[in-house]
Amino acid sequence: MSDLQVSQVAGRLYDDANPTLGNVPQSDEDRSNWRRIQRSDQKHYLIHPEDLPEARRRDPALKVLDQQ
């Protein structure tokens, strides 16, 4: 496994073990600027814009599903 693959797997394991559901604002208004993404494992998430660079570093195949 390459270093990149190890980093991606470690990131996914961390994300799976530490779901961010508790950190997601409850109203749509509070997350109106959040981005819809799809990871390379085809899972969909809402992510705060400030977290997007780190998510892309962990998963270079990440897709941003909404355009802002």
PDB file of N, CA and C in Angstrom:
ATOM      1  N   MET A   1       0.834  -1.173   0.000  1.00  0.00           N
ATOM      2  CA  MET A   1       0.000   0.000   0.000  1.00  0.00           C
ATOM      3  C   MET A   1       0.882   1.241   0.000  1.00  0.00           C
ATOM      4  N   SER A   2       0.501   2.234  -0.774  1.00  0.00           N
ATOM      5  CA  SER A   2       1.246   3.482  -0.798  1.00  0.00           C
ATOM      6  C   SER A   2       0.902   4.324   0.433  1.00  0.00           C
ATOM      7  N   ASP A   3       1.711   5.335   0.690  1.00  0.00           N
ATOM      8  CA  ASP A   3       1.432   6.242   1.806  1.00  0.00           C
ATOM      9  C   ASP A   3       0.079   6.922   1.631  1.00  0.00           C
ATOM     10  N   LEU A   4      -0.258   7.294   0.398  1.00  0.00           N
ATOM     11  CA  LEU A   4      -1.535   7.933   0.124  1.00  0.00           C
ATOM     12  C   LEU A   4      -2.695   6.998   0.458  1.00  0.00           C
ATOM     13  N   GLN A   5      -2.599   5.742   0.050  1.00  0.00           N
ATOM     14  CA  GLN A   5      -3.657   4.777   0.335  1.00  0.00           C
ATOM     15  C   GLN A   5      -3.802   4.555   1.838  1.00  0.00           C
ATOM     16  N   VAL A   6      -2.697   4.459   2.535  1.00  0.00           N
ATOM     17  CA  VAL A   6      -2.734   4.290   3.988  1.00  0.00           C
ATOM     18  C   VAL A   6      -3.410   5.493   4.629  1.00  0.00           C
ATOM     19  N   SER A   7      -3.074   6.699   4.171  1.00  0.00           N
ATOM     20  CA  SER A   7      -3.675   7.910   4.706  1.00  0.00           C
ATOM     21  C   SER A   7      -5.186   7.932   4.455  1.00  0.00           C
ATOM     22  N   GLN A   8      -5.607   7.528   3.267  1.00  0.00           N
ATOM     23  CA  GLN A   8      -7.033   7.487   2.939  1.00  0.00           C
ATOM     24  C   GLN A   8      -7.771   6.493   3.825  1.00  0.00           C
ATOM     25  N   VAL A   9      -7.214   5.321   4.001  1.00  0.00           N
ATOM     26  CA  VAL A   9      -7.844   4.300   4.830  1.00  0.00           C
ATOM     27  C   VAL A   9      -7.911   4.775   6.279  1.00  0.00           C
ATOM     28  N   ALA A  10      -6.829   5.362   6.768  1.00  0.00           N
ATOM     29  CA  ALA A  10      -6.813   5.860   8.141  1.00  0.00           C
ATOM     30  C   ALA A  10      -7.863   6.958   8.323  1.00  0.00           C
ATOM     31  N   GLY A  11      -7.980   7.826   7.346  1.00  0.00           N
ATOM     32  CA  GLY A  11      -8.989   8.884   7.414  1.00  0.00           C
ATOM     33  C   GLY A  11     -10.397   8.329   7.448  1.00  0.00           C
ATOM     34  N   ARG A  12     -10.652   7.321   6.640  1.00  0.00           N
ATOM     35  CA  ARG A  12     -11.990   6.700   6.617  1.00  0.00           C
ATOM     36  C   ARG A  12     -12.290   6.002   7.936  1.00  0.00           C
ATOM     37  N   LEU A  13     -11.297   5.290   8.466  1.00  0.00           N
ATOM     38  CA  LEU A  13     -11.501   4.622   9.755  1.00  0.00           C
ATOM     39  C   LEU A  13     -11.793   5.645  10.844  1.00  0.00           C
ATOM     40  N   TYR A  14     -11.064   6.749  10.835  1.00  0.00           N
ATOM     41  CA  TYR A  14     -11.307   7.802  11.815  1.00  0.00           C
ATOM     42  C   TYR A  14     -12.705   8.377  11.648  1.00  0.00           C
ATOM     43  N   ASP A  15     -13.084   8.682  10.400  1.00  0.00           N
ATOM     44  CA  ASP A  15     -14.412   9.245  10.136  1.00  0.00           C
ATOM     45  C   ASP A  15     -15.515   8.290  10.571  1.00  0.00           C
ATOM     46  N   ASP A  16     -15.336   7.003  10.295  1.00  0.00           N
ATOM     47  CA  ASP A  16     -16.346   6.015  10.675  1.00  0.00           C
ATOM     48  C   ASP A  16     -16.446   5.871  12.187  1.00  0.00           C
ATOM     49  N   ALA A  17     -15.318   5.976  12.880  1.00  0.00           N
ATOM     50  CA  ALA A  17     -15.304   5.823  14.338  1.00  0.00           C
ATOM     51  C   ALA A  17     -15.755   7.095  15.047  1.00  0.00           C
ATOM     52  N   ASN A  18     -15.705   8.233  14.347  1.00  0.00           N
ATOM     53  CA  ASN A  18     -16.044   9.519  14.946  1.00  0.00           C
ATOM     54  C   ASN A  18     -17.039  10.264  14.061  1.00  0.00           C
ATOM     55  N   PRO A  19     -18.269   9.791  14.003  1.00  0.00           N
ATOM     56  CA  PRO A  19     -19.252  10.442  13.133  1.00  0.00           C
ATOM     57  C   PRO A  19     -19.453  11.902  13.538  1.00  0.00           C
ATOM     58  N   THR A  20     -19.671  12.739  12.549  1.00  0.00           N
ATOM     59  CA  THR A  20     -19.816  14.167  12.795  1.00  0.00           C
ATOM     60  C   THR A  20     -21.265  14.577  12.969  1.00  0.00           C
ATOM     61  N   LEU A  21     -22.169  13.633  13.058  1.00  0.00           N
ATOM     62  CA  LEU A  21     -23.590  13.953  13.160  1.00  0.00           C
ATOM     63  C   LEU A  21     -23.859  14.914  14.305  1.00  0.00           C
ATOM     64  N   GLY A  22     -23.201  14.740  15.418  1.00  0.00           N
ATOM     65  CA  GLY A  22     -23.414  15.625  16.548  1.00  0.00           C
ATOM     66  C   GLY A  22     -22.947  17.046  16.294  1.00  0.00           C
ATOM     67  N   ASN A  23     -22.064  17.250  15.311  1.00  0.00           N
ATOM     68  CA  ASN A  23     -21.544  18.577  15.010  1.00  0.00           C
ATOM     69  C   ASN A  23     -22.319  19.278  13.904  1.00  0.00           C
ATOM     70  N   VAL A  24     -23.260  18.596  13.289  1.00  0.00           N
ATOM     71  CA  VAL A  24     -24.021  19.172  12.192  1.00  0.00           C
ATOM     72  C   VAL A  24     -25.137  20.038  12.762  1.00  0.00           C
ATOM     73  N   PRO A  25     -25.219  21.286  12.342  1.00  0.00           N
ATOM     74  CA  PRO A  25     -26.307  22.131  12.817  1.00  0.00           C
ATOM     75  C   PRO A  25     -27.666  21.510  12.498  1.00  0.00           C
ATOM     76  N   GLN A  26     -28.645  21.757  13.339  1.00  0.00           N
ATOM     77  CA  GLN A  26     -29.938  21.101  13.200  1.00  0.00           C
ATOM     78  C   GLN A  26     -30.848  21.745  12.164  1.00  0.00           C
ATOM     79  N   SER A  27     -30.681  23.021  11.887  1.00  0.00           N
ATOM     80  CA  SER A  27     -31.558  23.664  10.915  1.00  0.00           C
ATOM     81  C   SER A  27     -30.843  23.827   9.578  1.00  0.00           C
ATOM     82  N   ASP A  28     -31.613  23.818   8.499  1.00  0.00           N
ATOM     83  CA  ASP A  28     -31.033  24.000   7.165  1.00  0.00           C
ATOM     84  C   ASP A  28     -30.374  25.372   7.043  1.00  0.00           C
ATOM     85  N   GLU A  29     -30.930  26.348   7.725  1.00  0.00           N
ATOM     86  CA  GLU A  29     -30.385  27.696   7.660  1.00  0.00           C
ATOM     87  C   GLU A  29     -28.953  27.736   8.182  1.00  0.00           C
ATOM     88  N   ASP A  30     -28.669  26.994   9.240  1.00  0.00           N
ATOM     89  CA  ASP A  30     -27.347  26.991   9.851  1.00  0.00           C
ATOM     90  C   ASP A  30     -26.288  26.363   8.961  1.00  0.00           C
ATOM     91  N   ARG A  31     -26.675  25.515   8.041  1.00  0.00           N
ATOM     92  CA  ARG A  31     -25.688  24.849   7.188  1.00  0.00           C
ATOM     93  C   ARG A  31     -25.888  25.167   5.715  1.00  0.00           C
ATOM     94  N   SER A  32     -26.456  26.313   5.447  1.00  0.00           N
ATOM     95  CA  SER A  32     -26.737  26.687   4.063  1.00  0.00           C
ATOM     96  C   SER A  32     -25.465  26.796   3.222  1.00  0.00           C
ATOM     97  N   ASN A  33     -24.332  27.079   3.862  1.00  0.00           N
ATOM     98  CA  ASN A  33     -23.085  27.192   3.096  1.00  0.00           C
ATOM     99  C   ASN A  33     -22.269  25.899   3.117  1.00  0.00           C
ATOM    100  N   TRP A  34     -22.756  24.859   3.785  1.00  0.00           N
ATOM    101  CA  TRP A  34     -22.033  23.591   3.821  1.00  0.00           C
ATOM    102  C   TRP A  34     -22.071  22.953   2.441  1.00  0.00           C
ATOM    103  N   ARG A  35     -21.084  22.107   2.141  1.00  0.00           N
ATOM    104  CA  ARG A  35     -20.952  21.509   0.814  1.00  0.00           C
ATOM    105  C   ARG A  35     -21.340  20.043   0.837  1.00  0.00           C
ATOM    106  N   ARG A  36     -22.020  19.601  -0.205  1.00  0.00           N
ATOM    107  CA  ARG A  36     -22.344  18.179  -0.374  1.00  0.00           C
ATOM    108  C   ARG A  36     -21.184  17.536  -1.114  1.00  0.00           C
ATOM    109  N   ILE A  37     -20.647  16.455  -0.540  1.00  0.00           N
ATOM    110  CA  ILE A  37     -19.512  15.769  -1.166  1.00  0.00           C
ATOM    111  C   ILE A  37     -19.803  14.281  -1.305  1.00  0.00           C
ATOM    112  N   GLN A  38     -19.039  13.653  -2.167  1.00  0.00           N
ATOM    113  CA  GLN A  38     -19.057  12.192  -2.324  1.00  0.00           C
ATOM    114  C   GLN A  38     -17.619  11.724  -2.265  1.00  0.00           C
ATOM    115  N   ARG A  39     -17.334  10.832  -1.313  1.00  0.00           N
ATOM    116  CA  ARG A  39     -15.990  10.269  -1.197  1.00  0.00           C
ATOM    117  C   ARG A  39     -15.793   9.186  -2.253  1.00  0.00           C
ATOM    118  N   SER A  40     -14.569   8.732  -2.401  1.00  0.00           N
ATOM    119  CA  SER A  40     -14.265   7.707  -3.397  1.00  0.00           C
ATOM    120  C   SER A  40     -14.948   6.378  -3.077  1.00  0.00           C
ATOM    121  N   ASP A  41     -15.419   6.189  -1.829  1.00  0.00           N
ATOM    122  CA  ASP A  41     -16.153   4.973  -1.478  1.00  0.00           C
ATOM    123  C   ASP A  41     -17.650   5.126  -1.762  1.00  0.00           C
ATOM    124  N   GLN A  42     -18.018   6.202  -2.454  1.00  0.00           N
ATOM    125  CA  GLN A  42     -19.379   6.507  -2.899  1.00  0.00           C
ATOM    126  C   GLN A  42     -20.313   6.977  -1.781  1.00  0.00           C
ATOM    127  N   LYS A  43     -19.806   7.197  -0.567  1.00  0.00           N
ATOM    128  CA  LYS A  43     -20.631   7.706   0.526  1.00  0.00           C
ATOM    129  C   LYS A  43     -20.771   9.221   0.386  1.00  0.00           C
ATOM    130  N   HIS A  44     -21.953   9.721   0.755  1.00  0.00           N
ATOM    131  CA  HIS A  44     -22.250  11.143   0.660  1.00  0.00           C
ATOM    132  C   HIS A  44     -22.242  11.773   2.045  1.00  0.00           C
ATOM    133  N   TYR A  45     -21.745  13.030   2.109  1.00  0.00           N
ATOM    134  CA  TYR A  45     -21.658  13.749   3.373  1.00  0.00           C
ATOM    135  C   TYR A  45     -21.911  15.226   3.143  1.00  0.00           C
ATOM    136  N   LEU A  46     -22.275  15.901   4.205  1.00  0.00           N
ATOM    137  CA  LEU A  46     -22.289  17.356   4.246  1.00  0.00           C
ATOM    138  C   LEU A  46     -21.041  17.770   4.999  1.00  0.00           C
ATOM    139  N   ILE A  47     -20.318  18.754   4.483  1.00  0.00           N
ATOM    140  CA  ILE A  47     -19.060  19.146   5.104  1.00  0.00           C
ATOM    141  C   ILE A  47     -18.976  20.663   5.171  1.00  0.00           C
ATOM    142  N   HIS A  48     -18.412  21.154   6.248  1.00  0.00           N
ATOM    143  CA  HIS A  48     -18.204  22.599   6.381  1.00  0.00           C
ATOM    144  C   HIS A  48     -17.138  23.021   5.371  1.00  0.00           C
ATOM    145  N   PRO A  49     -17.313  24.158   4.727  1.00  0.00           N
ATOM    146  CA  PRO A  49     -16.350  24.588   3.703  1.00  0.00           C
ATOM    147  C   PRO A  49     -14.904  24.648   4.191  1.00  0.00           C
ATOM    148  N   GLU A  50     -14.692  24.982   5.461  1.00  0.00           N
ATOM    149  CA  GLU A  50     -13.323  25.047   5.983  1.00  0.00           C
ATOM    150  C   GLU A  50     -12.665  23.674   6.068  1.00  0.00           C
ATOM    151  N   ASP A  51     -13.469  22.606   6.094  1.00  0.00           N
ATOM    152  CA  ASP A  51     -12.931  21.250   6.192  1.00  0.00           C
ATOM    153  C   ASP A  51     -12.668  20.618   4.829  1.00  0.00           C
ATOM    154  N   LEU A  52     -13.077  21.286   3.771  1.00  0.00           N
ATOM    155  CA  LEU A  52     -12.938  20.727   2.425  1.00  0.00           C
ATOM    156  C   LEU A  52     -11.487  20.465   2.017  1.00  0.00           C
ATOM    157  N   PRO A  53     -10.535  21.365   2.271  1.00  0.00           N
ATOM    158  CA  PRO A  53      -9.147  21.065   1.887  1.00  0.00           C
ATOM    159  C   PRO A  53      -8.589  19.796   2.552  1.00  0.00           C
ATOM    160  N   GLU A  54      -8.897  19.601   3.832  1.00  0.00           N
ATOM    161  CA  GLU A  54      -8.425  18.401   4.524  1.00  0.00           C
ATOM    162  C   GLU A  54      -9.090  17.153   3.959  1.00  0.00           C
ATOM    163  N   ALA A  55     -10.375  17.246   3.648  1.00  0.00           N
ATOM    164  CA  ALA A  55     -11.080  16.107   3.056  1.00  0.00           C
ATOM    165  C   ALA A  55     -10.476  15.754   1.703  1.00  0.00           C
ATOM    166  N   ARG A  56     -10.135  16.769   0.913  1.00  0.00           N
ATOM    167  CA  ARG A  56      -9.507  16.531  -0.399  1.00  0.00           C
ATOM    168  C   ARG A  56      -8.115  15.929  -0.243  1.00  0.00           C
ATOM    169  N   ARG A  57      -7.396  16.349   0.811  1.00  0.00           N
ATOM    170  CA  ARG A  57      -6.066  15.785   1.045  1.00  0.00           C
ATOM    171  C   ARG A  57      -6.184  14.303   1.373  1.00  0.00           C
ATOM    172  N   ARG A  58      -7.179  13.955   2.171  1.00  0.00           N
ATOM    173  CA  ARG A  58      -7.372  12.559   2.558  1.00  0.00           C
ATOM    174  C   ARG A  58      -7.891  11.710   1.410  1.00  0.00           C
ATOM    175  N   ASP A  59      -8.685  12.319   0.532  1.00  0.00           N
ATOM    176  CA  ASP A  59      -9.299  11.557  -0.557  1.00  0.00           C
ATOM    177  C   ASP A  59      -9.253  12.395  -1.836  1.00  0.00           C
ATOM    178  N   PRO A  60      -8.175  12.271  -2.608  1.00  0.00           N
ATOM    179  CA  PRO A  60      -8.042  13.070  -3.826  1.00  0.00           C
ATOM    180  C   PRO A  60      -9.156  12.835  -4.854  1.00  0.00           C
ATOM    181  N   ALA A  61      -9.862  11.714  -4.754  1.00  0.00           N
ATOM    182  CA  ALA A  61     -10.950  11.423  -5.686  1.00  0.00           C
ATOM    183  C   ALA A  61     -12.290  11.987  -5.200  1.00  0.00           C
ATOM    184  N   LEU A  62     -12.285  12.725  -4.108  1.00  0.00           N
ATOM    185  CA  LEU A  62     -13.499  13.323  -3.551  1.00  0.00           C
ATOM    186  C   LEU A  62     -14.164  14.217  -4.579  1.00  0.00           C
ATOM    187  N   LYS A  63     -15.486  14.184  -4.632  1.00  0.00           N
ATOM    188  CA  LYS A  63     -16.242  15.026  -5.554  1.00  0.00           C
ATOM    189  C   LYS A  63     -17.120  15.965  -4.749  1.00  0.00           C
ATOM    190  N   VAL A  64     -17.120  17.247  -5.143  1.00  0.00           N
ATOM    191  CA  VAL A  64     -18.048  18.223  -4.583  1.00  0.00           C
ATOM    192  C   VAL A  64     -19.296  18.166  -5.454  1.00  0.00           C
ATOM    193  N   LEU A  65     -20.436  17.860  -4.860  1.00  0.00           N
ATOM    194  CA  LEU A  65     -21.652  17.627  -5.625  1.00  0.00           C
ATOM    195  C   LEU A  65     -22.466  18.887  -5.874  1.00  0.00           C
ATOM    196  N   ASP A  66     -22.243  19.928  -5.090  1.00  0.00           N
ATOM    197  CA  ASP A  66     -22.955  21.178  -5.340  1.00  0.00           C
ATOM    198  C   ASP A  66     -21.958  22.236  -5.792  1.00  0.00           C
ATOM    199  N   GLN A  67     -22.417  23.157  -6.548  1.00  0.00           N
ATOM    200  CA  GLN A  67     -21.559  24.217  -7.060  1.00  0.00           C
ATOM    201  C   GLN A  67     -21.882  25.506  -6.335  1.00  0.00           C
ATOM    202  N   GLN A  68     -20.860  26.111  -5.716  1.00  0.00           N
ATOM    203  CA  GLN A  68     -21.047  27.395  -5.038  1.00  0.00           C
ATOM    204  C   GLN A  68     -19.978  28.343  -5.490  1.00  0.00           C
TER     205      GLN A  68
END
